[in-house]
Amino acid sequence: MWLPGHLALSFLISLPIILFSVRRGVNRTLVLSYAAFFAIYPDFFHIGYIRMISHSPIGLGILVAVAVIVLWFIFRIDRWLVVIAIVAAFGHLMGDWVFGHFYPAFPFSEEVLSMNKFNTPLDIQTEVVLSAVATAIFIPLFPPSGTAKAFLQLGSRDRWQVMILAAMFLSMIVLQGILFLQMDVLPYASQSDILLLLGFIVPLLFVLIPLVMARISLNRSARM
């Protein structure tokens, strides 16, 4: 499964916890940052043998634990952010079980489970539908203006946390987007391929627009 599918699936699975944590007072920008970053977190280890580790329950559990411990040590994160990180990351495994490669018993076995092959028309079309549904839900619940406002409400340390997670998320969008262009769009782009390409662009905008809006607001406040 490509990044748009992983992002949409993990967001939909995590949505009840996302909404609950926001109602509990956890800053929505932090919540969305964790949901987005950990939805694609396993793909940062998409390298040879290491991929087996990041795409197995035990291996991913260890990797998520390490990331959460580091983030807690530096930023003292809320417990609901930890829950979102776990659910979003394991939503990624579900996506690769349906379209891709999943190693359920690693390191005890290198057996691969996959319900469907990756990057087939069925995969692309499914990801397009998931992305459309997630976007339709996401826009009314988390408009960029509200996300920008929530970002401005953060302290300086948590702003850095959001920007670090956003930078890593954006880097993965660019890298996977380039790979998708090379593999699917440039050789022969179907209508589904073009629509999925939007699935890379829309999350990119939803990260950049609130940050730009927040930056403009900070500049205006500094001039007053």
N, C-alpha and C. Protein backbone atom coordinates (compact mmCIF):
# COMPACT_ATOMS: atom_id res chain seq x y z
N MET A 1 0.84 -1.19 0.00
CA MET A 1 0.00 0.00 0.00
C MET A 1 0.88 1.24 0.00
N TRP A 2 0.49 2.22 -0.82
CA TRP A 2 1.23 3.47 -0.89
C TRP A 2 0.87 4.36 0.31
N LEU A 3 1.60 5.46 0.43
CA LEU A 3 1.40 6.38 1.55
C LEU A 3 -0.04 6.89 1.69
N PRO A 4 -0.72 7.31 0.61
CA PRO A 4 -2.10 7.80 0.79
C PRO A 4 -3.03 6.77 1.41
N GLY A 5 -2.89 5.50 1.00
CA GLY A 5 -3.73 4.45 1.56
C GLY A 5 -3.43 4.21 3.02
N HIS A 6 -2.15 4.16 3.35
CA HIS A 6 -1.75 3.97 4.75
C HIS A 6 -2.27 5.12 5.62
N LEU A 7 -2.10 6.32 5.13
CA LEU A 7 -2.52 7.50 5.89
C LEU A 7 -4.02 7.48 6.12
N ALA A 8 -4.78 7.21 5.05
CA ALA A 8 -6.24 7.20 5.15
C ALA A 8 -6.72 6.09 6.08
N LEU A 9 -6.17 4.89 5.92
CA LEU A 9 -6.61 3.76 6.73
C LEU A 9 -6.29 3.97 8.20
N SER A 10 -5.08 4.40 8.51
CA SER A 10 -4.71 4.63 9.91
C SER A 10 -5.52 5.77 10.51
N PHE A 11 -5.80 6.81 9.71
CA PHE A 11 -6.62 7.91 10.20
C PHE A 11 -8.02 7.44 10.55
N LEU A 12 -8.62 6.65 9.68
CA LEU A 12 -9.98 6.16 9.92
C LEU A 12 -10.03 5.24 11.14
N ILE A 13 -9.02 4.39 11.28
CA ILE A 13 -8.97 3.49 12.43
C ILE A 13 -8.76 4.27 13.73
N SER A 14 -7.93 5.31 13.65
CA SER A 14 -7.59 6.10 14.85
C SER A 14 -8.61 7.18 15.17
N LEU A 15 -9.56 7.43 14.27
CA LEU A 15 -10.45 8.58 14.41
C LEU A 15 -11.16 8.65 15.77
N PRO A 16 -11.73 7.56 16.29
CA PRO A 16 -12.38 7.67 17.60
C PRO A 16 -11.43 8.14 18.70
N ILE A 17 -10.19 7.65 18.67
CA ILE A 17 -9.21 8.04 19.69
C ILE A 17 -8.77 9.48 19.45
N ILE A 18 -8.63 9.87 18.19
CA ILE A 18 -8.27 11.25 17.86
C ILE A 18 -9.31 12.22 18.43
N LEU A 19 -10.58 11.94 18.16
CA LEU A 19 -11.64 12.82 18.63
C LEU A 19 -11.73 12.83 20.15
N PHE A 20 -11.57 11.66 20.76
CA PHE A 20 -11.63 11.57 22.22
C PHE A 20 -10.50 12.35 22.88
N SER A 21 -9.28 12.22 22.33
CA SER A 21 -8.14 12.90 22.91
C SER A 21 -8.26 14.42 22.77
N VAL A 22 -8.80 14.88 21.64
CA VAL A 22 -9.01 16.32 21.45
C VAL A 22 -10.03 16.83 22.47
N ARG A 23 -11.10 16.06 22.70
CA ARG A 23 -12.09 16.45 23.70
C ARG A 23 -11.52 16.44 25.10
N ARG A 24 -10.51 15.60 25.32
CA ARG A 24 -9.84 15.56 26.63
C ARG A 24 -8.85 16.69 26.81
N GLY A 25 -8.69 17.51 25.78
CA GLY A 25 -7.84 18.69 25.91
C GLY A 25 -6.47 18.59 25.29
N VAL A 26 -6.19 17.47 24.61
CA VAL A 26 -4.89 17.34 23.94
C VAL A 26 -4.92 18.21 22.69
N ASN A 27 -3.88 18.98 22.48
CA ASN A 27 -3.82 19.90 21.35
C ASN A 27 -4.01 19.15 20.03
N ARG A 28 -4.94 19.65 19.20
CA ARG A 28 -5.29 18.94 17.96
C ARG A 28 -4.12 18.86 16.98
N THR A 29 -3.27 19.87 16.96
CA THR A 29 -2.12 19.82 16.05
C THR A 29 -1.17 18.70 16.44
N LEU A 30 -0.96 18.54 17.74
CA LEU A 30 -0.12 17.43 18.21
C LEU A 30 -0.76 16.09 17.88
N VAL A 31 -2.06 16.00 18.11
CA VAL A 31 -2.78 14.76 17.83
C VAL A 31 -2.65 14.37 16.35
N LEU A 32 -2.90 15.32 15.47
CA LEU A 32 -2.81 15.04 14.03
C LEU A 32 -1.38 14.73 13.61
N SER A 33 -0.42 15.39 14.22
CA SER A 33 0.98 15.13 13.90
C SER A 33 1.35 13.69 14.23
N TYR A 34 0.91 13.21 15.37
CA TYR A 34 1.21 11.83 15.77
C TYR A 34 0.49 10.83 14.89
N ALA A 35 -0.78 11.10 14.59
CA ALA A 35 -1.54 10.17 13.74
C ALA A 35 -0.90 10.07 12.36
N ALA A 36 -0.50 11.20 11.79
CA ALA A 36 0.08 11.21 10.45
C ALA A 36 1.46 10.57 10.43
N PHE A 37 2.30 10.95 11.38
CA PHE A 37 3.68 10.43 11.38
C PHE A 37 3.71 8.92 11.60
N PHE A 38 2.98 8.44 12.61
CA PHE A 38 3.06 7.01 12.92
C PHE A 38 2.30 6.16 11.92
N ALA A 39 1.38 6.76 11.14
CA ALA A 39 0.72 6.01 10.08
C ALA A 39 1.71 5.57 9.01
N ILE A 40 2.79 6.32 8.83
CA ILE A 40 3.79 5.98 7.81
C ILE A 40 5.13 5.59 8.44
N TYR A 41 5.18 5.57 9.75
CA TYR A 41 6.42 5.30 10.48
C TYR A 41 7.13 4.02 10.02
N PRO A 42 6.43 2.89 9.82
CA PRO A 42 7.15 1.68 9.40
C PRO A 42 7.92 1.82 8.10
N ASP A 43 7.47 2.71 7.21
CA ASP A 43 8.14 2.85 5.92
C ASP A 43 9.46 3.60 6.01
N PHE A 44 9.76 4.20 7.15
CA PHE A 44 11.09 4.78 7.33
C PHE A 44 12.14 3.68 7.46
N PHE A 45 11.70 2.45 7.67
CA PHE A 45 12.60 1.30 7.81
C PHE A 45 12.39 0.32 6.65
N HIS A 46 11.97 0.85 5.53
CA HIS A 46 11.66 0.04 4.35
C HIS A 46 12.93 -0.25 3.58
N ILE A 47 13.89 -0.91 4.25
CA ILE A 47 15.21 -1.15 3.65
C ILE A 47 15.59 -2.61 3.86
N GLY A 48 15.57 -3.40 2.79
CA GLY A 48 16.04 -4.77 2.84
C GLY A 48 15.47 -5.57 4.00
N TYR A 49 16.37 -6.20 4.75
CA TYR A 49 16.00 -7.09 5.85
C TYR A 49 15.29 -6.33 6.96
N ILE A 50 15.62 -5.04 7.11
CA ILE A 50 14.99 -4.25 8.18
C ILE A 50 13.49 -4.14 7.96
N ARG A 51 13.06 -4.24 6.71
CA ARG A 51 11.63 -4.16 6.42
C ARG A 51 10.85 -5.25 7.13
N MET A 52 11.45 -6.44 7.29
CA MET A 52 10.79 -7.51 8.01
C MET A 52 10.53 -7.11 9.46
N ILE A 53 11.47 -6.38 10.03
CA ILE A 53 11.31 -5.95 11.42
C ILE A 53 10.17 -4.95 11.53
N SER A 54 10.17 -3.94 10.68
CA SER A 54 9.18 -2.87 10.79
C SER A 54 7.79 -3.29 10.34
N HIS A 55 7.70 -4.41 9.61
CA HIS A 55 6.40 -4.87 9.12
C HIS A 55 5.99 -6.19 9.80
N SER A 56 6.39 -6.32 11.05
CA SER A 56 5.98 -7.44 11.89
C SER A 56 5.48 -6.89 13.21
N PRO A 57 4.54 -7.57 13.88
CA PRO A 57 4.01 -7.03 15.14
C PRO A 57 5.07 -6.83 16.22
N ILE A 58 5.95 -7.80 16.38
CA ILE A 58 6.97 -7.69 17.43
C ILE A 58 7.97 -6.59 17.08
N GLY A 59 8.46 -6.62 15.85
CA GLY A 59 9.46 -5.62 15.44
C GLY A 59 8.91 -4.22 15.48
N LEU A 60 7.69 -4.03 14.95
CA LEU A 60 7.10 -2.69 14.96
C LEU A 60 6.80 -2.25 16.38
N GLY A 61 6.38 -3.19 17.23
CA GLY A 61 6.13 -2.84 18.62
C GLY A 61 7.38 -2.27 19.29
N ILE A 62 8.52 -2.88 19.00
CA ILE A 62 9.80 -2.40 19.56
C ILE A 62 10.15 -1.03 18.99
N LEU A 63 9.99 -0.87 17.68
CA LEU A 63 10.32 0.41 17.03
C LEU A 63 9.43 1.54 17.54
N VAL A 64 8.14 1.26 17.70
CA VAL A 64 7.22 2.28 18.22
C VAL A 64 7.58 2.62 19.67
N ALA A 65 7.91 1.59 20.46
CA ALA A 65 8.28 1.83 21.85
C ALA A 65 9.51 2.72 21.95
N VAL A 66 10.50 2.47 21.08
CA VAL A 66 11.72 3.30 21.08
C VAL A 66 11.38 4.74 20.73
N ALA A 67 10.57 4.92 19.68
CA ALA A 67 10.21 6.28 19.26
C ALA A 67 9.43 7.01 20.35
N VAL A 68 8.49 6.31 20.97
CA VAL A 68 7.66 6.92 22.01
C VAL A 68 8.51 7.29 23.23
N ILE A 69 9.43 6.42 23.61
CA ILE A 69 10.30 6.70 24.76
C ILE A 69 11.16 7.93 24.49
N VAL A 70 11.71 8.02 23.29
CA VAL A 70 12.53 9.18 22.92
C VAL A 70 11.69 10.46 22.96
N LEU A 71 10.49 10.40 22.37
CA LEU A 71 9.61 11.57 22.35
C LEU A 71 9.16 11.95 23.76
N TRP A 72 8.88 10.95 24.59
CA TRP A 72 8.47 11.25 25.96
C TRP A 72 9.62 11.89 26.74
N PHE A 73 10.82 11.36 26.55
CA PHE A 73 11.98 11.88 27.27
C PHE A 73 12.25 13.33 26.90
N ILE A 74 12.07 13.67 25.63
CA ILE A 74 12.36 15.03 25.17
C ILE A 74 11.20 15.98 25.42
N PHE A 75 9.96 15.51 25.14
CA PHE A 75 8.82 16.42 25.13
C PHE A 75 7.77 16.14 26.22
N ARG A 76 7.92 15.04 26.98
CA ARG A 76 6.94 14.69 28.02
C ARG A 76 5.53 14.62 27.44
N ILE A 77 5.33 13.73 26.52
CA ILE A 77 4.09 13.67 25.75
C ILE A 77 2.93 13.09 26.57
N ASP A 78 1.72 13.46 26.16
CA ASP A 78 0.50 12.98 26.79
C ASP A 78 0.27 11.50 26.48
N ARG A 79 -0.34 10.78 27.41
CA ARG A 79 -0.55 9.34 27.22
C ARG A 79 -1.45 9.04 26.02
N TRP A 80 -2.37 9.96 25.68
CA TRP A 80 -3.24 9.73 24.53
C TRP A 80 -2.47 9.80 23.22
N LEU A 81 -1.39 10.56 23.20
CA LEU A 81 -0.54 10.58 22.01
C LEU A 81 0.15 9.23 21.83
N VAL A 82 0.48 8.58 22.94
CA VAL A 82 1.08 7.25 22.87
C VAL A 82 0.08 6.25 22.27
N VAL A 83 -1.17 6.33 22.72
CA VAL A 83 -2.20 5.43 22.19
C VAL A 83 -2.40 5.66 20.69
N ILE A 84 -2.45 6.92 20.29
CA ILE A 84 -2.61 7.23 18.86
C ILE A 84 -1.43 6.70 18.05
N ALA A 85 -0.23 6.85 18.57
CA ALA A 85 0.95 6.36 17.88
C ALA A 85 0.87 4.85 17.66
N ILE A 86 0.46 4.12 18.68
CA ILE A 86 0.38 2.66 18.58
C ILE A 86 -0.69 2.25 17.57
N VAL A 87 -1.88 2.83 17.67
CA VAL A 87 -2.98 2.45 16.78
C VAL A 87 -2.66 2.82 15.33
N ALA A 88 -2.13 4.02 15.10
CA ALA A 88 -1.80 4.45 13.74
C ALA A 88 -0.72 3.57 13.12
N ALA A 89 0.30 3.23 13.91
CA ALA A 89 1.39 2.40 13.38
C ALA A 89 0.90 1.01 13.02
N PHE A 90 0.07 0.42 13.87
CA PHE A 90 -0.41 -0.92 13.57
C PHE A 90 -1.49 -0.91 12.50
N GLY A 91 -2.12 0.24 12.27
CA GLY A 91 -2.99 0.39 11.11
C GLY A 91 -2.19 0.24 9.82
N HIS A 92 -0.94 0.66 9.86
CA HIS A 92 -0.05 0.50 8.71
C HIS A 92 0.14 -0.98 8.39
N LEU A 93 0.34 -1.80 9.42
CA LEU A 93 0.49 -3.24 9.20
C LEU A 93 -0.75 -3.83 8.56
N MET A 94 -1.92 -3.36 9.00
CA MET A 94 -3.16 -3.86 8.42
C MET A 94 -3.20 -3.56 6.92
N GLY A 95 -2.77 -2.34 6.55
CA GLY A 95 -2.75 -1.97 5.15
C GLY A 95 -1.84 -2.86 4.32
N ASP A 96 -0.66 -3.19 4.87
CA ASP A 96 0.27 -4.03 4.12
C ASP A 96 -0.11 -5.50 4.17
N TRP A 97 -0.94 -5.88 5.10
CA TRP A 97 -1.50 -7.22 5.09
C TRP A 97 -2.51 -7.36 3.94
N VAL A 98 -3.29 -6.30 3.71
CA VAL A 98 -4.29 -6.33 2.64
C VAL A 98 -3.64 -6.14 1.28
N PHE A 99 -2.70 -5.18 1.17
CA PHE A 99 -2.01 -4.92 -0.10
C PHE A 99 -0.52 -4.74 0.17
N GLY A 100 0.21 -5.83 0.16
CA GLY A 100 1.65 -5.70 0.38
C GLY A 100 2.23 -6.93 1.03
N HIS A 101 3.12 -6.71 2.00
CA HIS A 101 3.80 -7.80 2.68
C HIS A 101 3.76 -7.59 4.18
N PHE A 102 3.34 -8.63 4.90
CA PHE A 102 3.19 -8.59 6.35
C PHE A 102 3.84 -9.85 6.91
N TYR A 103 4.67 -9.68 7.94
CA TYR A 103 5.42 -10.79 8.52
C TYR A 103 4.88 -11.05 9.94
N PRO A 104 3.86 -11.89 10.07
CA PRO A 104 3.17 -12.02 11.36
C PRO A 104 4.00 -12.65 12.47
N ALA A 105 4.94 -13.56 12.11
CA ALA A 105 5.67 -14.30 13.14
C ALA A 105 7.15 -13.95 13.21
N PHE A 106 7.59 -12.90 12.51
CA PHE A 106 9.00 -12.52 12.55
C PHE A 106 9.34 -12.09 13.98
N PRO A 107 10.49 -12.48 14.57
CA PRO A 107 11.69 -13.11 13.97
C PRO A 107 11.69 -14.64 14.00
N PHE A 108 10.60 -15.26 14.44
CA PHE A 108 10.56 -16.72 14.52
C PHE A 108 10.32 -17.36 13.16
N SER A 109 9.76 -16.61 12.25
CA SER A 109 9.50 -17.11 10.89
C SER A 109 9.51 -15.92 9.93
N GLU A 110 9.96 -16.17 8.70
CA GLU A 110 9.95 -15.14 7.67
C GLU A 110 8.78 -15.33 6.71
N GLU A 111 7.77 -16.07 7.17
CA GLU A 111 6.57 -16.27 6.36
C GLU A 111 5.89 -14.93 6.08
N VAL A 112 5.46 -14.74 4.83
CA VAL A 112 4.82 -13.51 4.42
C VAL A 112 3.32 -13.75 4.22
N LEU A 113 2.52 -12.85 4.76
CA LEU A 113 1.08 -12.88 4.51
C LEU A 113 0.71 -11.69 3.65
N SER A 114 -0.13 -11.92 2.65
CA SER A 114 -0.60 -10.84 1.78
C SER A 114 -1.91 -11.28 1.15
N MET A 115 -2.97 -10.52 1.42
CA MET A 115 -4.28 -10.85 0.84
C MET A 115 -4.33 -10.51 -0.64
N ASN A 116 -3.63 -9.42 -1.03
CA ASN A 116 -3.62 -8.97 -2.42
C ASN A 116 -2.24 -8.41 -2.75
N LYS A 117 -1.90 -8.39 -4.01
CA LYS A 117 -0.61 -7.86 -4.43
C LYS A 117 -0.59 -6.33 -4.36
N PHE A 118 0.60 -5.82 -4.10
CA PHE A 118 0.81 -4.37 -4.03
C PHE A 118 0.84 -3.75 -5.43
N ASN A 119 0.32 -2.52 -5.54
CA ASN A 119 0.40 -1.70 -6.75
C ASN A 119 -0.33 -2.30 -7.94
N THR A 120 -1.40 -3.00 -7.67
CA THR A 120 -2.28 -3.49 -8.73
C THR A 120 -3.42 -2.49 -8.91
N PRO A 121 -4.20 -2.60 -9.99
CA PRO A 121 -5.36 -1.71 -10.13
C PRO A 121 -6.30 -1.76 -8.93
N LEU A 122 -6.49 -2.95 -8.34
CA LEU A 122 -7.35 -3.07 -7.16
C LEU A 122 -6.77 -2.29 -5.99
N ASP A 123 -5.46 -2.38 -5.80
CA ASP A 123 -4.80 -1.63 -4.73
C ASP A 123 -4.98 -0.13 -4.94
N ILE A 124 -4.67 0.35 -6.13
CA ILE A 124 -4.75 1.78 -6.41
C ILE A 124 -6.17 2.30 -6.22
N GLN A 125 -7.15 1.57 -6.75
CA GLN A 125 -8.54 2.00 -6.65
C GLN A 125 -9.02 2.00 -5.20
N THR A 126 -8.59 0.99 -4.43
CA THR A 126 -8.97 0.94 -3.02
C THR A 126 -8.38 2.12 -2.26
N GLU A 127 -7.13 2.45 -2.55
CA GLU A 127 -6.50 3.58 -1.88
C GLU A 127 -7.15 4.90 -2.26
N VAL A 128 -7.60 5.01 -3.51
CA VAL A 128 -8.31 6.22 -3.93
C VAL A 128 -9.59 6.39 -3.13
N VAL A 129 -10.34 5.30 -2.98
CA VAL A 129 -11.60 5.36 -2.22
C VAL A 129 -11.33 5.69 -0.75
N LEU A 130 -10.36 5.02 -0.15
CA LEU A 130 -10.02 5.29 1.25
C LEU A 130 -9.60 6.75 1.44
N SER A 131 -8.78 7.25 0.52
CA SER A 131 -8.31 8.63 0.61
C SER A 131 -9.46 9.62 0.49
N ALA A 132 -10.40 9.33 -0.43
CA ALA A 132 -11.55 10.22 -0.61
C ALA A 132 -12.42 10.25 0.63
N VAL A 133 -12.67 9.08 1.22
CA VAL A 133 -13.49 9.01 2.43
C VAL A 133 -12.81 9.74 3.59
N ALA A 134 -11.51 9.48 3.78
CA ALA A 134 -10.78 10.11 4.88
C ALA A 134 -10.73 11.62 4.71
N THR A 135 -10.53 12.09 3.48
CA THR A 135 -10.47 13.54 3.22
C THR A 135 -11.82 14.19 3.49
N ALA A 136 -12.91 13.52 3.07
CA ALA A 136 -14.25 14.06 3.28
C ALA A 136 -14.56 14.19 4.77
N ILE A 137 -14.04 13.30 5.58
CA ILE A 137 -14.24 13.38 7.03
C ILE A 137 -13.28 14.39 7.65
N PHE A 138 -12.06 14.39 7.16
CA PHE A 138 -11.00 15.20 7.76
C PHE A 138 -11.25 16.70 7.60
N ILE A 139 -11.68 17.13 6.40
CA ILE A 139 -11.82 18.57 6.13
C ILE A 139 -12.78 19.26 7.09
N PRO A 140 -13.99 18.73 7.31
CA PRO A 140 -14.89 19.42 8.24
C PRO A 140 -14.42 19.36 9.70
N LEU A 141 -13.80 18.24 10.08
CA LEU A 141 -13.38 18.08 11.47
C LEU A 141 -12.14 18.88 11.81
N PHE A 142 -11.21 18.96 10.87
CA PHE A 142 -9.93 19.60 11.15
C PHE A 142 -9.55 20.57 10.02
N PRO A 143 -10.27 21.68 9.87
CA PRO A 143 -9.91 22.66 8.83
C PRO A 143 -8.55 23.28 9.13
N PRO A 144 -7.81 23.70 8.09
CA PRO A 144 -6.47 24.26 8.29
C PRO A 144 -6.44 25.43 9.26
N SER A 145 -7.48 26.26 9.25
CA SER A 145 -7.49 27.43 10.15
C SER A 145 -7.48 26.99 11.61
N GLY A 146 -8.25 25.95 11.94
CA GLY A 146 -8.28 25.46 13.30
C GLY A 146 -6.97 24.81 13.70
N THR A 147 -6.34 24.11 12.76
CA THR A 147 -5.05 23.48 13.03
C THR A 147 -3.97 24.53 13.26
N ALA A 148 -4.01 25.60 12.45
CA ALA A 148 -3.05 26.70 12.63
C ALA A 148 -3.23 27.37 13.99
N LYS A 149 -4.49 27.59 14.38
CA LYS A 149 -4.77 28.20 15.68
C LYS A 149 -4.27 27.31 16.81
N ALA A 150 -4.49 26.01 16.68
CA ALA A 150 -4.02 25.07 17.71
C ALA A 150 -2.50 25.07 17.79
N PHE A 151 -1.83 25.19 16.64
CA PHE A 151 -0.37 25.24 16.63
C PHE A 151 0.14 26.46 17.41
N LEU A 152 -0.53 27.61 17.23
CA LEU A 152 -0.12 28.83 17.92
C LEU A 152 -0.33 28.74 19.43
N GLN A 153 -1.22 27.84 19.86
CA GLN A 153 -1.48 27.68 21.28
C GLN A 153 -0.44 26.82 21.99
N LEU A 154 0.41 26.18 21.20
CA LEU A 154 1.45 25.33 21.77
C LEU A 154 2.59 26.16 22.33
N GLY A 155 3.28 25.59 23.33
CA GLY A 155 4.51 26.19 23.79
C GLY A 155 5.62 25.96 22.79
N SER A 156 6.73 26.63 22.96
CA SER A 156 7.83 26.55 21.98
C SER A 156 8.36 25.13 21.83
N ARG A 157 8.43 24.39 22.94
CA ARG A 157 8.96 23.02 22.86
C ARG A 157 8.06 22.13 22.02
N ASP A 158 6.75 22.24 22.23
CA ASP A 158 5.82 21.42 21.46
C ASP A 158 5.71 21.88 20.01
N ARG A 159 5.94 23.16 19.75
CA ARG A 159 5.99 23.60 18.36
C ARG A 159 7.14 22.93 17.63
N TRP A 160 8.26 22.82 18.30
CA TRP A 160 9.40 22.13 17.70
C TRP A 160 9.05 20.66 17.44
N GLN A 161 8.33 20.05 18.37
CA GLN A 161 7.92 18.66 18.20
C GLN A 161 7.07 18.50 16.94
N VAL A 162 6.09 19.38 16.78
CA VAL A 162 5.22 19.33 15.60
C VAL A 162 6.04 19.53 14.33
N MET A 163 6.95 20.49 14.34
CA MET A 163 7.72 20.79 13.14
C MET A 163 8.67 19.65 12.77
N ILE A 164 9.22 18.98 13.77
CA ILE A 164 10.09 17.83 13.50
C ILE A 164 9.30 16.69 12.87
N LEU A 165 8.15 16.36 13.48
CA LEU A 165 7.30 15.30 12.92
C LEU A 165 6.80 15.67 11.53
N ALA A 166 6.44 16.95 11.35
CA ALA A 166 5.95 17.41 10.05
C ALA A 166 7.04 17.31 8.99
N ALA A 167 8.27 17.68 9.36
CA ALA A 167 9.38 17.61 8.40
C ALA A 167 9.64 16.18 7.95
N MET A 168 9.59 15.24 8.89
CA MET A 168 9.82 13.84 8.54
C MET A 168 8.67 13.30 7.70
N PHE A 169 7.46 13.71 8.04
CA PHE A 169 6.28 13.30 7.27
C PHE A 169 6.36 13.83 5.85
N LEU A 170 6.71 15.10 5.69
CA LEU A 170 6.81 15.70 4.37
C LEU A 170 7.90 15.04 3.53
N SER A 171 9.00 14.68 4.17
CA SER A 171 10.09 14.02 3.44
C SER A 171 9.62 12.68 2.87
N MET A 172 8.81 11.95 3.66
CA MET A 172 8.31 10.66 3.16
C MET A 172 7.30 10.86 2.04
N ILE A 173 6.47 11.90 2.14
CA ILE A 173 5.53 12.19 1.04
C ILE A 173 6.30 12.45 -0.25
N VAL A 174 7.35 13.25 -0.18
CA VAL A 174 8.13 13.59 -1.38
C VAL A 174 8.81 12.35 -1.94
N LEU A 175 9.44 11.56 -1.08
CA LEU A 175 10.17 10.37 -1.55
C LEU A 175 9.22 9.36 -2.19
N GLN A 176 8.12 9.05 -1.50
CA GLN A 176 7.18 8.08 -2.06
C GLN A 176 6.46 8.65 -3.29
N GLY A 177 6.21 9.96 -3.26
CA GLY A 177 5.58 10.59 -4.41
C GLY A 177 6.43 10.48 -5.65
N ILE A 178 7.72 10.69 -5.51
CA ILE A 178 8.65 10.55 -6.64
C ILE A 178 8.67 9.11 -7.14
N LEU A 179 8.71 8.16 -6.21
CA LEU A 179 8.71 6.74 -6.58
C LEU A 179 7.41 6.36 -7.30
N PHE A 180 6.29 6.88 -6.80
CA PHE A 180 5.00 6.59 -7.45
C PHE A 180 4.96 7.17 -8.86
N LEU A 181 5.49 8.37 -9.02
CA LEU A 181 5.57 8.97 -10.36
C LEU A 181 6.37 8.09 -11.31
N GLN A 182 7.51 7.61 -10.84
CA GLN A 182 8.39 6.80 -11.68
C GLN A 182 7.78 5.46 -12.04
N MET A 183 7.10 4.83 -11.06
CA MET A 183 6.59 3.48 -11.26
C MET A 183 5.24 3.45 -11.98
N ASP A 184 4.39 4.44 -11.71
CA ASP A 184 3.01 4.34 -12.18
C ASP A 184 2.59 5.46 -13.13
N VAL A 185 2.92 6.70 -12.78
CA VAL A 185 2.37 7.83 -13.52
C VAL A 185 3.10 8.07 -14.83
N LEU A 186 4.42 8.13 -14.80
CA LEU A 186 5.17 8.46 -16.01
C LEU A 186 5.13 7.36 -17.07
N PRO A 187 5.24 6.08 -16.70
CA PRO A 187 5.16 5.04 -17.75
C PRO A 187 3.81 5.02 -18.45
N TYR A 188 2.74 4.95 -17.64
CA TYR A 188 1.40 4.97 -18.21
C TYR A 188 0.42 5.29 -17.09
N ALA A 189 -0.13 6.46 -17.11
CA ALA A 189 -0.99 6.91 -16.02
C ALA A 189 -2.45 6.61 -16.32
N SER A 190 -3.04 5.76 -15.50
CA SER A 190 -4.48 5.53 -15.59
C SER A 190 -5.20 6.62 -14.81
N GLN A 191 -6.50 6.66 -14.93
CA GLN A 191 -7.29 7.64 -14.18
C GLN A 191 -7.12 7.43 -12.68
N SER A 192 -7.05 6.18 -12.26
CA SER A 192 -6.86 5.89 -10.83
C SER A 192 -5.50 6.37 -10.34
N ASP A 193 -4.47 6.24 -11.20
CA ASP A 193 -3.14 6.71 -10.83
C ASP A 193 -3.15 8.22 -10.60
N ILE A 194 -3.81 8.96 -11.48
CA ILE A 194 -3.89 10.42 -11.34
C ILE A 194 -4.62 10.80 -10.06
N LEU A 195 -5.70 10.09 -9.78
CA LEU A 195 -6.45 10.37 -8.56
C LEU A 195 -5.63 10.06 -7.31
N LEU A 196 -4.86 8.97 -7.35
CA LEU A 196 -4.03 8.64 -6.19
C LEU A 196 -2.89 9.64 -6.03
N LEU A 197 -2.44 10.21 -7.13
CA LEU A 197 -1.41 11.24 -7.04
C LEU A 197 -1.92 12.42 -6.20
N LEU A 198 -3.21 12.70 -6.32
CA LEU A 198 -3.81 13.74 -5.46
C LEU A 198 -3.74 13.34 -4.00
N GLY A 199 -3.72 12.03 -3.75
CA GLY A 199 -3.59 11.54 -2.39
C GLY A 199 -2.25 11.85 -1.77
N PHE A 200 -1.25 12.14 -2.60
CA PHE A 200 0.04 12.62 -2.09
C PHE A 200 0.00 14.14 -1.89
N ILE A 201 -0.68 14.84 -2.80
CA ILE A 201 -0.67 16.30 -2.78
C ILE A 201 -1.52 16.86 -1.65
N VAL A 202 -2.71 16.28 -1.43
CA VAL A 202 -3.62 16.80 -0.41
C VAL A 202 -3.01 16.77 0.99
N PRO A 203 -2.42 15.65 1.45
CA PRO A 203 -1.78 15.68 2.78
C PRO A 203 -0.63 16.68 2.86
N LEU A 204 0.08 16.82 1.75
CA LEU A 204 1.16 17.80 1.69
C LEU A 204 0.63 19.20 1.99
N LEU A 205 -0.49 19.55 1.38
CA LEU A 205 -1.10 20.87 1.58
C LEU A 205 -1.66 21.01 2.99
N PHE A 206 -2.23 19.92 3.53
CA PHE A 206 -2.81 19.99 4.87
C PHE A 206 -1.74 20.15 5.95
N VAL A 207 -0.50 19.82 5.63
CA VAL A 207 0.60 20.08 6.56
C VAL A 207 1.14 21.49 6.36
N LEU A 208 1.36 21.87 5.11
CA LEU A 208 2.01 23.15 4.83
C LEU A 208 1.10 24.35 5.09
N ILE A 209 -0.18 24.26 4.72
CA ILE A 209 -1.07 25.43 4.85
C ILE A 209 -1.21 25.90 6.29
N PRO A 210 -1.49 25.00 7.27
CA PRO A 210 -1.57 25.49 8.65
C PRO A 210 -0.27 26.08 9.17
N LEU A 211 0.87 25.49 8.78
CA LEU A 211 2.16 26.03 9.22
C LEU A 211 2.40 27.42 8.63
N VAL A 212 2.04 27.59 7.36
CA VAL A 212 2.20 28.91 6.72
C VAL A 212 1.26 29.92 7.37
N MET A 213 0.01 29.51 7.62
CA MET A 213 -0.95 30.40 8.28
C MET A 213 -0.47 30.80 9.67
N ALA A 214 0.08 29.85 10.40
CA ALA A 214 0.59 30.14 11.74
C ALA A 214 1.78 31.10 11.67
N ARG A 215 2.64 30.88 10.67
CA ARG A 215 3.81 31.76 10.51
C ARG A 215 3.37 33.18 10.20
N ILE A 216 2.38 33.35 9.33
CA ILE A 216 1.88 34.68 8.98
C ILE A 216 1.29 35.36 10.22
N SER A 217 0.56 34.59 11.02
CA SER A 217 -0.04 35.14 12.23
C SER A 217 1.03 35.58 13.22
N LEU A 218 2.09 34.79 13.35
CA LEU A 218 3.19 35.15 14.25
C LEU A 218 3.89 36.43 13.77
N ASN A 219 4.08 36.54 12.47
CA ASN A 219 4.71 37.75 11.93
C ASN A 219 3.87 38.99 12.19
N ARG A 220 2.54 38.85 12.03
CA ARG A 220 1.67 39.98 12.29
C ARG A 220 1.69 40.38 13.75
N SER A 221 1.72 39.39 14.64
CA SER A 221 1.76 39.67 16.09
C SER A 221 3.06 40.38 16.45
N ALA A 222 4.15 39.99 15.79
CA ALA A 222 5.46 40.58 16.10
C ALA A 222 5.52 42.04 15.66
N ARG A 223 4.75 42.41 14.62
CA ARG A 223 4.77 43.80 14.13
C ARG A 223 3.91 44.73 14.98
N MET A 224 2.97 44.13 15.71
CA MET A 224 2.03 44.96 16.48
C MET A 224 2.67 45.46 17.80
